[in-house]
Amino acid sequence: MPTTRPRLTITETDELADTLDAAAARWPEIRSRRELLLRLVEQGREVLDRERGEETARRRDAVRRTSGALSGAYDAGYLERLRDDWPA
């Protein structure tokens, strides 16, 4: 079928064959190894998205936990005095 999209060619190595066999056991309704590969890619994408969301949540939690931790560490006007030292 004509397409303007890139085509990918993958050699079924022993490791990939084992992975596709495991996928076939997981999704017995899928008979095509091509379709199994596409399902594995889809599942991998879902894992990546979930991990990215979890990492974002961990970072936000860290920001919330440490928010205000340095309150009072610098006296009023500190930033302005610091900037006065910078060349214009």
C-alpha atoms as a PDB file:
ATOM      1  CA  MET A   1       0.000   0.000   0.000  1.00  0.00           C
ATOM      2  CA  PRO A   2       1.486   3.391  -0.952  1.00  0.00           C
ATOM      3  CA  THR A   3       2.349   5.675   1.929  1.00  0.00           C
ATOM      4  CA  THR A   4       4.388   8.755   2.657  1.00  0.00           C
ATOM      5  CA  ARG A   5       5.168   7.440   6.141  1.00  0.00           C
ATOM      6  CA  PRO A   6       8.479   5.733   6.940  1.00  0.00           C
ATOM      7  CA  ARG A   7       8.444   1.951   6.894  1.00  0.00           C
ATOM      8  CA  LEU A   8      10.268  -0.086   9.515  1.00  0.00           C
ATOM      9  CA  THR A   9      11.853  -3.476   9.012  1.00  0.00           C
ATOM     10  CA  ILE A  10      12.504  -5.678  12.025  1.00  0.00           C
ATOM     11  CA  THR A  11      14.335  -8.986  12.064  1.00  0.00           C
ATOM     12  CA  GLU A  12      12.745 -11.548  14.332  1.00  0.00           C
ATOM     13  CA  THR A  13      15.663 -12.383  16.595  1.00  0.00           C
ATOM     14  CA  ASP A  14      15.433 -15.153  19.196  1.00  0.00           C
ATOM     15  CA  GLU A  15      14.637 -12.563  21.856  1.00  0.00           C
ATOM     16  CA  LEU A  16      11.904 -10.977  19.738  1.00  0.00           C
ATOM     17  CA  ALA A  17      10.498 -14.408  18.884  1.00  0.00           C
ATOM     18  CA  ASP A  18      10.296 -15.238  22.612  1.00  0.00           C
ATOM     19  CA  THR A  19       8.615 -11.894  23.271  1.00  0.00           C
ATOM     20  CA  LEU A  20       6.081 -12.438  20.500  1.00  0.00           C
ATOM     21  CA  ASP A  21       5.408 -15.953  21.789  1.00  0.00           C
ATOM     22  CA  ALA A  22       4.727 -14.506  25.249  1.00  0.00           C
ATOM     23  CA  ALA A  23       2.460 -11.896  23.681  1.00  0.00           C
ATOM     24  CA  ALA A  24       0.602 -14.632  21.782  1.00  0.00           C
ATOM     25  CA  ALA A  25      -0.010 -16.436  25.064  1.00  0.00           C
ATOM     26  CA  ARG A  26      -1.237 -13.176  26.630  1.00  0.00           C
ATOM     27  CA  TRP A  27      -3.503 -12.257  23.699  1.00  0.00           C
ATOM     28  CA  PRO A  28      -4.517 -15.580  22.068  1.00  0.00           C
ATOM     29  CA  GLU A  29      -7.166 -13.816  19.967  1.00  0.00           C
ATOM     30  CA  ILE A  30      -4.403 -12.084  17.998  1.00  0.00           C
ATOM     31  CA  ARG A  31      -3.029 -14.472  15.377  1.00  0.00           C
ATOM     32  CA  SER A  32      -0.753 -12.133  13.428  1.00  0.00           C
ATOM     33  CA  ARG A  33       2.779 -11.596  14.719  1.00  0.00           C
ATOM     34  CA  ARG A  34       2.613  -8.136  13.137  1.00  0.00           C
ATOM     35  CA  GLU A  35      -0.475  -7.326  15.187  1.00  0.00           C
ATOM     36  CA  LEU A  36       1.180  -8.740  18.314  1.00  0.00           C
ATOM     37  CA  LEU A  37       4.153  -6.459  17.710  1.00  0.00           C
ATOM     38  CA  LEU A  38       1.846  -3.477  17.326  1.00  0.00           C
ATOM     39  CA  ARG A  39       0.040  -4.421  20.560  1.00  0.00           C
ATOM     40  CA  LEU A  40       3.381  -4.654  22.364  1.00  0.00           C
ATOM     41  CA  VAL A  41       4.336  -1.206  21.080  1.00  0.00           C
ATOM     42  CA  GLU A  42       0.987   0.157  22.274  1.00  0.00           C
ATOM     43  CA  GLN A  43       1.455  -1.422  25.701  1.00  0.00           C
ATOM     44  CA  GLY A  44       4.991  -0.033  25.896  1.00  0.00           C
ATOM     45  CA  ARG A  45       3.700   3.447  25.126  1.00  0.00           C
ATOM     46  CA  GLU A  46       1.131   3.151  27.911  1.00  0.00           C
ATOM     47  CA  VAL A  47       3.886   2.175  30.352  1.00  0.00           C
ATOM     48  CA  LEU A  48       6.016   5.145  29.267  1.00  0.00           C
ATOM     49  CA  ASP A  49       3.078   7.528  29.680  1.00  0.00           C
ATOM     50  CA  ARG A  50       2.267   6.100  33.115  1.00  0.00           C
ATOM     51  CA  GLU A  51       5.902   6.350  34.249  1.00  0.00           C
ATOM     52  CA  ARG A  52       6.118   9.948  33.021  1.00  0.00           C
ATOM     53  CA  GLY A  53       2.958  10.790  34.958  1.00  0.00           C
ATOM     54  CA  GLU A  54       4.328   9.134  38.096  1.00  0.00           C
ATOM     55  CA  GLU A  55       7.614  11.048  37.778  1.00  0.00           C
ATOM     56  CA  THR A  56       5.727  14.316  37.358  1.00  0.00           C
ATOM     57  CA  ALA A  57       3.670  13.511  40.453  1.00  0.00           C
ATOM     58  CA  ARG A  58       6.857  12.724  42.453  1.00  0.00           C
ATOM     59  CA  ARG A  59       8.418  16.026  41.414  1.00  0.00           C
ATOM     60  CA  ARG A  60       5.288  17.990  42.289  1.00  0.00           C
ATOM     61  CA  ASP A  61       5.163  16.263  45.657  1.00  0.00           C
ATOM     62  CA  ALA A  62       8.806  17.176  46.291  1.00  0.00           C
ATOM     63  CA  VAL A  63       8.064  20.805  45.443  1.00  0.00           C
ATOM     64  CA  ARG A  64       5.067  20.803  47.807  1.00  0.00           C
ATOM     65  CA  ARG A  65       7.064  19.163  50.620  1.00  0.00           C
ATOM     66  CA  THR A  66       9.955  21.611  50.338  1.00  0.00           C
ATOM     67  CA  SER A  67       7.905  24.714  49.560  1.00  0.00           C
ATOM     68  CA  GLY A  68       8.757  27.433  52.074  1.00  0.00           C
ATOM     69  CA  ALA A  69      11.668  25.471  53.561  1.00  0.00           C
ATOM     70  CA  LEU A  70      13.950  28.508  53.198  1.00  0.00           C
ATOM     71  CA  SER A  71      11.413  31.092  54.314  1.00  0.00           C
ATOM     72  CA  GLY A  72      13.202  33.575  56.506  1.00  0.00           C
ATOM     73  CA  ALA A  73      16.668  32.452  55.410  1.00  0.00           C
ATOM     74  CA  TYR A  74      17.273  35.771  53.660  1.00  0.00           C
ATOM     75  CA  ASP A  75      16.474  39.157  55.118  1.00  0.00           C
ATOM     76  CA  ALA A  76      14.339  41.752  53.381  1.00  0.00           C
ATOM     77  CA  GLY A  77      16.119  43.503  50.516  1.00  0.00           C
ATOM     78  CA  TYR A  78      18.720  40.721  50.066  1.00  0.00           C
ATOM     79  CA  LEU A  79      17.979  40.222  46.382  1.00  0.00           C
ATOM     80  CA  GLU A  80      18.139  43.930  45.628  1.00  0.00           C
ATOM     81  CA  ARG A  81      21.511  44.257  47.418  1.00  0.00           C
ATOM     82  CA  LEU A  82      22.803  41.251  45.527  1.00  0.00           C
ATOM     83  CA  ARG A  83      21.754  42.784  42.217  1.00  0.00           C
ATOM     84  CA  ASP A  84      23.467  46.056  43.128  1.00  0.00           C
ATOM     85  CA  ASP A  85      26.777  44.164  42.788  1.00  0.00           C
ATOM     86  CA  TRP A  86      26.027  43.182  39.184  1.00  0.00           C
ATOM     87  CA  PRO A  87      27.473  45.263  36.385  1.00  0.00           C
ATOM     88  CA  ALA A  88      24.878  47.332  34.538  1.00  0.00           C
END
